[in-house]
Amino acid sequence: MSTAPNSTPVEPSGLRLILRALRHRNYRLFFMGQGISLVGTWMQMIAMSWLVYRLTGSAFLLGIVAFAANIPIFLIAPFAGILADRWNRHRMLVIIQTLAMIQAFILAALVLADVITTWEVIVLSVFSGLVNAFDMPVRQAFVVEMIEDQRDLSNAIALNSSMFNGARLVGPSIAGLLIAAVGEGWCFLLNGLSYIAVIIALLAMKPTPRPSGHKSIRVLDTLTEGFRYSFGFPPIRAMLLLLALISLIGMPYTVLMPILAKNILHGDAHTLGFLVGASGIGALIGAIYLASRKNVRGLGRLIAVSAAIFGVGLIALSLSREIWLSLLLMTIPGFGMIVHMAASNTVPMTVKPMIRPSTISTARTGLVTTV
């Protein structure tokens, strides 16, 4: 007498568990293209900070350039999230990546021609901020479209963080070598070329058509609705406030990395690249840890613990005066930062089906971070 085969699905384990979101074709294409592009992005970030400090020697102007790049994100990202609900996200991403590529090529041309000034850096930073203001919410919302099985969504978000921080290991190291050998301009040029990979990946996708957004609702009403949900639901409100505090007080340490490398540790562009790469090691460990989790249970507690780890790591780093010790300590805030931000991104997306009104989408309420 034959017995019926066991119909219980086998849970993935090991590497298959960590990489399970890659079974979705569109996400797999995005992962490969974006992975190449992010190496170039990190090269540009290192080259930009070193360029500004080389041109000005001013910590104040380092902050001004960072402010110019981030203030458009703060002001425009909520509205960009609304547009992401109403427009075709796939088409928007192609346009966004193309504009970012143009910005990198302009920056490369100015630096290689040795005509770059601080004002041009600030203007191009504002332009980059405008592009990123649309890129972040659209890209995060598009991840939901690329993942057919929503049980893999948290894994996809964690893999995004792994990809971002894996590039952080490679990009800064290459940038440090290039800056020392041929200058910052080649970093900007290679970043521009790296966007070709993600644009090709996006064009090769076959996204599933989604229902059109709520075009009949006014933009102001839509924005108000999103804020009412985000700050009216106590767990999300607490998470947003903690993330805002860390972003305001803790995250600017990345802006001061050139000063730490040159003035405190008495290094050069190599040192800056290694410091950022060390931070990437810690962040990559954190992202792999998140990707290995089977579900979202316990993420609330993890958000609080990772915030504390981030703070302790920054305090320890501030006391170091040795390169080897600083490299070691850089892994701690890198780990805490990525775990905190990726977990904070995951929770609002995964609780949506249970508690969020159907008229509020991920793009309008999702947290805007770099992961």
Protein backbone atom coordinates (compact mmCIF):
# COMPACT_ATOMS: atom_id res chain seq x y z
CA MET A 1 0.00 0.00 0.00
CA SER A 2 1.52 3.29 -1.09
CA THR A 3 1.53 6.32 1.15
CA ALA A 4 0.87 9.85 0.04
CA PRO A 5 3.98 11.98 -0.11
CA ASN A 6 4.38 14.57 2.57
CA SER A 7 2.98 17.84 1.18
CA THR A 8 4.54 20.01 3.86
CA PRO A 9 6.90 22.50 2.15
CA VAL A 10 10.54 22.17 3.09
CA GLU A 11 11.89 25.29 4.78
CA PRO A 12 15.10 26.60 3.15
CA SER A 13 18.21 26.53 5.25
CA GLY A 14 21.80 27.68 5.11
CA LEU A 15 22.77 29.67 2.04
CA ARG A 16 19.38 29.07 0.41
CA LEU A 17 17.72 30.71 3.39
CA ILE A 18 20.00 33.76 3.23
CA LEU A 19 19.60 34.18 -0.56
CA ARG A 20 15.97 33.12 -0.93
CA ALA A 21 14.80 36.47 -2.35
CA LEU A 22 17.09 35.93 -5.37
CA ARG A 23 14.73 33.28 -6.73
CA HIS A 24 12.58 36.14 -8.02
CA ARG A 25 13.87 37.04 -11.51
CA ASN A 26 13.28 40.79 -11.39
CA TYR A 27 14.90 41.11 -7.98
CA ARG A 28 17.84 38.98 -9.14
CA LEU A 29 18.45 41.35 -12.07
CA PHE A 30 18.13 44.37 -9.80
CA PHE A 31 20.52 42.85 -7.26
CA MET A 32 23.25 42.24 -9.84
CA GLY A 33 22.95 45.60 -11.58
CA GLN A 34 22.64 47.61 -8.41
CA GLY A 35 25.56 45.73 -6.86
CA ILE A 36 27.89 46.94 -9.62
CA SER A 37 26.51 50.48 -9.49
CA LEU A 38 26.90 50.74 -5.72
CA VAL A 39 30.63 50.05 -5.95
CA GLY A 40 30.85 53.16 -8.10
CA THR A 41 28.60 55.08 -5.73
CA TRP A 42 30.91 54.37 -2.80
CA MET A 43 33.92 55.37 -4.88
CA GLN A 44 32.24 58.70 -5.61
CA MET A 45 31.30 59.26 -1.95
CA ILE A 46 34.91 58.78 -0.82
CA ALA A 47 36.29 60.86 -3.69
CA MET A 48 33.80 63.66 -3.04
CA SER A 49 34.65 64.02 0.65
CA TRP A 50 38.39 63.87 -0.05
CA LEU A 51 38.04 66.38 -2.90
CA VAL A 52 36.19 68.89 -0.71
CA TYR A 53 38.71 68.57 2.10
CA ARG A 54 41.62 68.86 -0.34
CA LEU A 55 40.16 71.99 -1.94
CA THR A 56 39.13 73.74 1.28
CA GLY A 57 40.74 72.09 4.32
CA SER A 58 37.54 73.09 6.11
CA ALA A 59 35.36 70.88 8.30
CA PHE A 60 32.62 73.49 7.95
CA LEU A 61 32.54 73.16 4.16
CA LEU A 62 32.53 69.38 4.46
CA GLY A 63 29.34 69.83 6.46
CA ILE A 64 27.93 72.31 3.93
CA VAL A 65 28.41 69.85 1.06
CA ALA A 66 26.80 67.07 3.08
CA PHE A 67 23.92 69.40 3.97
CA ALA A 68 23.48 70.34 0.30
CA ALA A 69 23.25 66.66 -0.64
CA ASN A 70 20.79 65.75 2.11
CA ILE A 71 18.42 68.70 2.50
CA PRO A 72 16.58 67.88 -0.78
CA ILE A 73 15.98 64.37 0.55
CA PHE A 74 14.48 65.73 3.76
CA LEU A 75 12.20 68.18 1.94
CA ILE A 76 11.17 66.23 -1.16
CA ALA A 77 11.22 62.51 -0.26
CA PRO A 78 7.67 62.49 1.24
CA PHE A 79 6.27 63.98 -1.98
CA ALA A 80 8.41 61.61 -4.05
CA GLY A 81 6.80 58.72 -2.20
CA ILE A 82 3.37 59.96 -3.26
CA LEU A 83 4.48 60.20 -6.88
CA ALA A 84 5.86 56.66 -6.60
CA ASP A 85 2.32 55.52 -5.81
CA ARG A 86 0.86 57.31 -8.81
CA TRP A 87 3.48 56.81 -11.50
CA ASN A 88 5.23 53.79 -12.98
CA ARG A 89 8.01 52.97 -10.51
CA HIS A 90 10.01 50.95 -13.01
CA ARG A 91 10.10 53.83 -15.50
CA MET A 92 10.88 56.30 -12.72
CA LEU A 93 13.91 54.26 -11.64
CA VAL A 94 15.32 54.17 -15.17
CA ILE A 95 15.05 57.97 -15.39
CA ILE A 96 16.51 58.45 -11.90
CA GLN A 97 19.53 56.25 -12.58
CA THR A 98 20.14 58.04 -15.88
CA LEU A 99 20.14 61.44 -14.15
CA ALA A 100 22.56 60.13 -11.51
CA MET A 101 24.86 58.91 -14.27
CA ILE A 102 24.82 62.34 -15.93
CA GLN A 103 25.71 64.00 -12.61
CA ALA A 104 28.70 61.69 -12.17
CA PHE A 105 29.96 62.36 -15.70
CA ILE A 106 29.69 66.15 -15.23
CA LEU A 107 31.62 65.91 -11.96
CA ALA A 108 34.28 63.73 -13.62
CA ALA A 109 34.70 66.17 -16.51
CA LEU A 110 35.15 69.16 -14.19
CA VAL A 111 37.67 67.39 -11.95
CA LEU A 112 39.68 65.84 -14.78
CA ALA A 113 39.82 69.24 -16.50
CA ASP A 114 41.02 70.72 -13.17
CA VAL A 115 38.39 73.48 -13.23
CA ILE A 116 36.27 72.29 -10.29
CA THR A 117 35.44 74.78 -7.52
CA THR A 118 33.68 74.45 -4.20
CA TRP A 119 30.56 76.13 -5.55
CA GLU A 120 30.27 73.65 -8.39
CA VAL A 121 30.64 70.80 -5.91
CA ILE A 122 27.80 72.26 -3.83
CA VAL A 123 25.52 72.70 -6.86
CA LEU A 124 26.18 69.16 -8.07
CA SER A 125 25.59 67.89 -4.52
CA VAL A 126 22.18 69.58 -4.49
CA PHE A 127 21.41 67.94 -7.83
CA SER A 128 22.50 64.58 -6.43
CA GLY A 129 20.27 65.16 -3.41
CA LEU A 130 17.29 65.86 -5.66
CA VAL A 131 17.91 62.62 -7.56
CA ASN A 132 18.30 60.63 -4.33
CA ALA A 133 15.13 62.18 -2.90
CA PHE A 134 13.22 60.33 -5.60
CA ASP A 135 15.48 57.29 -5.77
CA MET A 136 15.13 56.19 -2.15
CA PRO A 137 11.33 55.94 -1.79
CA VAL A 138 10.83 54.70 -5.36
CA ARG A 139 13.53 52.03 -5.03
CA GLN A 140 12.23 50.83 -1.67
CA ALA A 141 8.65 50.66 -2.94
CA PHE A 142 9.77 48.88 -6.13
CA VAL A 143 11.30 46.10 -4.05
CA VAL A 144 7.76 45.16 -3.01
CA GLU A 145 6.83 44.84 -6.70
CA MET A 146 9.84 42.67 -7.51
CA ILE A 147 9.08 40.14 -4.76
CA GLU A 148 6.07 38.00 -5.69
CA ASP A 149 6.07 36.10 -2.39
CA GLN A 150 5.75 38.64 0.42
CA ARG A 151 7.28 36.16 2.87
CA ASP A 152 10.59 36.92 1.14
CA LEU A 153 10.24 40.71 1.53
CA SER A 154 12.21 41.02 4.77
CA ASN A 155 14.94 38.89 3.22
CA ALA A 156 15.05 41.14 0.15
CA ILE A 157 15.44 44.22 2.35
CA ALA A 158 18.26 42.54 4.26
CA LEU A 159 19.94 41.50 0.99
CA ASN A 160 19.71 45.12 -0.16
CA SER A 161 21.66 46.06 2.95
CA SER A 162 24.17 43.28 2.28
CA MET A 163 24.63 44.53 -1.28
CA PHE A 164 25.03 48.13 -0.13
CA ASN A 165 27.62 47.25 2.47
CA GLY A 166 29.40 44.67 0.36
CA ALA A 167 29.99 47.51 -2.09
CA ARG A 168 31.21 49.57 0.86
CA LEU A 169 34.03 47.07 1.31
CA VAL A 170 35.15 47.26 -2.33
CA GLY A 171 34.37 50.82 -3.43
CA PRO A 172 36.30 52.80 -0.78
CA SER A 173 39.37 50.58 -1.12
CA ILE A 174 39.46 51.11 -4.88
CA ALA A 175 38.79 54.82 -4.40
CA GLY A 176 41.67 55.18 -1.96
CA LEU A 177 44.08 53.59 -4.42
CA LEU A 178 42.81 55.63 -7.38
CA ILE A 179 42.88 58.93 -5.51
CA ALA A 180 46.46 58.34 -4.43
CA ALA A 181 47.51 57.28 -7.94
CA VAL A 182 45.55 59.44 -10.41
CA GLY A 183 43.21 61.70 -8.43
CA GLU A 184 39.51 61.91 -7.67
CA GLY A 185 38.30 62.43 -11.24
CA TRP A 186 38.66 58.79 -12.25
CA CYS A 187 36.46 57.73 -9.32
CA PHE A 188 33.67 59.96 -10.62
CA LEU A 189 34.15 58.64 -14.17
CA LEU A 190 34.00 55.00 -13.09
CA ASN A 191 30.90 55.74 -11.03
CA GLY A 192 29.20 57.18 -14.09
CA LEU A 193 30.08 54.07 -16.10
CA SER A 194 28.79 51.80 -13.29
CA TYR A 195 25.25 53.16 -13.73
CA ILE A 196 25.11 51.45 -17.12
CA ALA A 197 24.85 48.08 -15.32
CA VAL A 198 21.80 48.97 -13.27
CA ILE A 199 20.09 50.69 -16.22
CA ILE A 200 20.56 47.56 -18.35
CA ALA A 201 19.22 45.40 -15.49
CA LEU A 202 16.14 47.61 -15.14
CA LEU A 203 15.45 47.51 -18.88
CA ALA A 204 15.75 43.70 -18.86
CA MET A 205 13.04 43.35 -16.20
CA LYS A 206 9.46 42.33 -16.87
CA PRO A 207 7.61 44.03 -14.01
CA THR A 208 4.08 42.89 -13.25
CA PRO A 209 1.55 45.68 -13.90
CA ARG A 210 0.14 46.98 -10.64
CA PRO A 211 -3.13 48.76 -9.94
CA SER A 212 -2.89 52.48 -10.50
CA GLY A 213 -2.41 54.69 -7.47
CA HIS A 214 -5.10 56.81 -5.87
CA LYS A 215 -4.91 59.61 -8.41
CA SER A 216 -8.22 61.10 -7.32
CA ILE A 217 -6.86 61.93 -3.86
CA ARG A 218 -5.14 65.29 -3.56
CA VAL A 219 -1.41 65.27 -2.87
CA LEU A 220 -1.79 67.22 0.39
CA ASP A 221 -4.49 64.84 1.62
CA THR A 222 -2.33 61.86 0.70
CA LEU A 223 0.67 63.31 2.54
CA THR A 224 -1.45 64.10 5.58
CA GLU A 225 -2.83 60.58 5.56
CA GLY A 226 0.66 59.11 5.52
CA PHE A 227 1.85 61.30 8.41
CA ARG A 228 -1.31 60.54 10.37
CA TYR A 229 -0.64 56.84 10.09
CA SER A 230 3.10 57.08 10.76
CA PHE A 231 2.80 59.24 13.86
CA GLY A 232 -0.60 57.99 15.02
CA PHE A 233 0.51 54.37 15.45
CA PRO A 234 2.71 54.35 18.60
CA PRO A 235 5.25 51.65 17.58
CA ILE A 236 5.91 53.30 14.20
CA ARG A 237 6.08 56.75 15.83
CA ALA A 238 8.65 55.58 18.38
CA MET A 239 10.71 53.93 15.65
CA LEU A 240 10.65 57.07 13.49
CA LEU A 241 11.70 59.31 16.37
CA LEU A 242 14.62 57.04 17.30
CA LEU A 243 15.72 56.84 13.66
CA ALA A 244 15.51 60.64 13.36
CA LEU A 245 17.62 61.07 16.50
CA ILE A 246 20.32 58.72 15.25
CA SER A 247 20.31 60.32 11.79
CA LEU A 248 20.64 63.81 13.28
CA ILE A 249 23.26 63.17 15.96
CA GLY A 250 25.04 59.95 15.02
CA MET A 251 25.17 59.60 11.25
CA PRO A 252 27.14 62.83 10.60
CA TYR A 253 30.26 60.98 11.79
CA THR A 254 30.61 59.77 8.20
CA VAL A 255 31.03 63.38 7.03
CA LEU A 256 34.03 63.83 9.34
CA MET A 257 35.90 60.75 8.13
CA PRO A 258 38.46 62.76 6.08
CA ILE A 259 39.37 64.74 9.21
CA LEU A 260 39.71 61.57 11.26
CA ALA A 261 41.90 59.99 8.57
CA LYS A 262 44.17 62.97 7.94
CA ASN A 263 44.34 65.10 11.08
CA ILE A 264 43.83 62.59 13.89
CA LEU A 265 45.27 59.37 12.45
CA HIS A 266 47.79 61.22 10.22
CA GLY A 267 46.88 59.16 7.15
CA ASP A 268 45.86 59.85 3.56
CA ALA A 269 43.22 58.76 1.03
CA HIS A 270 44.21 55.11 1.61
CA THR A 271 43.41 55.53 5.30
CA LEU A 272 40.03 57.05 4.52
CA GLY A 273 39.17 54.19 2.21
CA PHE A 274 40.21 51.58 4.76
CA LEU A 275 38.20 53.27 7.53
CA VAL A 276 35.03 53.29 5.46
CA GLY A 277 35.74 49.73 4.34
CA ALA A 278 36.09 48.63 7.98
CA SER A 279 32.71 50.17 8.70
CA GLY A 280 31.41 48.18 5.74
CA ILE A 281 32.67 44.94 7.27
CA GLY A 282 30.59 45.51 10.39
CA ALA A 283 27.59 46.56 8.31
CA LEU A 284 27.90 43.51 6.06
CA ILE A 285 27.97 41.21 9.09
CA GLY A 286 24.82 42.91 10.37
CA ALA A 287 23.07 42.63 7.00
CA ILE A 288 23.93 38.93 6.67
CA TYR A 289 22.60 38.37 10.18
CA LEU A 290 19.30 40.01 9.23
CA ALA A 291 19.10 38.05 5.98
CA SER A 292 19.54 34.78 7.91
CA ARG A 293 16.51 35.49 10.12
CA LYS A 294 13.46 33.43 9.15
CA ASN A 295 10.86 36.03 10.16
CA VAL A 296 10.41 39.51 11.62
CA ARG A 297 9.75 38.43 15.20
CA GLY A 298 11.90 40.29 17.69
CA LEU A 299 12.82 43.13 15.31
CA GLY A 300 11.40 45.72 17.70
CA ARG A 301 13.85 44.72 20.43
CA LEU A 302 16.66 44.47 17.87
CA ILE A 303 16.03 48.07 16.76
CA ALA A 304 16.66 49.33 20.29
CA VAL A 305 19.70 47.11 20.91
CA SER A 306 21.35 48.03 17.60
CA ALA A 307 20.88 51.74 18.33
CA ALA A 308 22.76 51.27 21.61
CA ILE A 309 25.54 49.33 19.84
CA PHE A 310 25.88 52.17 17.32
CA GLY A 311 26.25 54.76 20.09
CA VAL A 312 28.78 52.76 22.08
CA GLY A 313 30.83 52.19 18.93
CA LEU A 314 30.98 55.92 18.17
CA ILE A 315 32.09 56.75 21.72
CA ALA A 316 34.88 54.17 21.55
CA LEU A 317 35.97 55.41 18.10
CA SER A 318 36.23 58.99 19.37
CA LEU A 319 38.83 57.91 21.94
CA SER A 320 41.10 56.06 19.49
CA ARG A 321 44.33 57.58 18.16
CA GLU A 322 45.77 54.46 16.49
CA ILE A 323 44.91 53.38 12.95
CA TRP A 324 44.67 49.66 13.74
CA LEU A 325 42.38 50.27 16.70
CA SER A 326 40.23 52.71 14.74
CA LEU A 327 39.82 50.17 11.95
CA LEU A 328 38.67 47.60 14.48
CA LEU A 329 36.29 50.00 16.22
CA MET A 330 34.76 51.19 12.93
CA THR A 331 33.07 47.80 12.57
CA ILE A 332 30.92 48.43 15.67
CA PRO A 333 28.97 51.51 14.52
CA GLY A 334 28.82 49.96 11.04
CA PHE A 335 27.08 46.90 12.47
CA GLY A 336 24.74 48.88 14.71
CA MET A 337 23.81 51.38 12.01
CA ILE A 338 22.83 48.87 9.34
CA VAL A 339 20.92 46.57 11.67
CA HIS A 340 18.99 49.52 13.07
CA MET A 341 18.13 51.05 9.69
CA ALA A 342 17.33 47.82 7.87
CA ALA A 343 15.15 46.58 10.73
CA SER A 344 13.40 49.96 10.89
CA ASN A 345 12.70 49.69 7.16
CA THR A 346 11.38 46.15 7.44
CA VAL A 347 8.81 46.65 10.17
CA PRO A 348 6.52 49.20 8.44
CA MET A 349 6.50 47.13 5.23
CA THR A 350 5.69 43.85 6.93
CA VAL A 351 2.98 45.19 9.27
CA LYS A 352 1.11 46.87 6.40
CA PRO A 353 -1.24 43.98 5.56
CA MET A 354 -2.33 43.65 9.20
CA ILE A 355 -2.89 47.19 10.37
CA ARG A 356 -2.43 49.77 7.65
CA PRO A 357 -5.44 51.22 5.83
CA SER A 358 -5.51 50.02 2.26
CA THR A 359 -5.22 53.56 0.94
CA ILE A 360 -1.77 54.05 2.48
CA SER A 361 1.08 52.48 0.58
CA THR A 362 4.63 51.50 1.38
CA ALA A 363 6.04 54.37 -0.66
CA ARG A 364 4.18 56.98 1.40
CA THR A 365 4.93 55.54 4.81
CA GLY A 366 8.20 53.66 4.23
CA LEU A 367 11.28 54.98 6.00
CA VAL A 368 13.80 56.77 3.84
CA THR A 369 17.31 55.52 4.53
CA THR A 370 20.37 54.66 2.56
CA VAL A 371 19.85 50.96 2.87
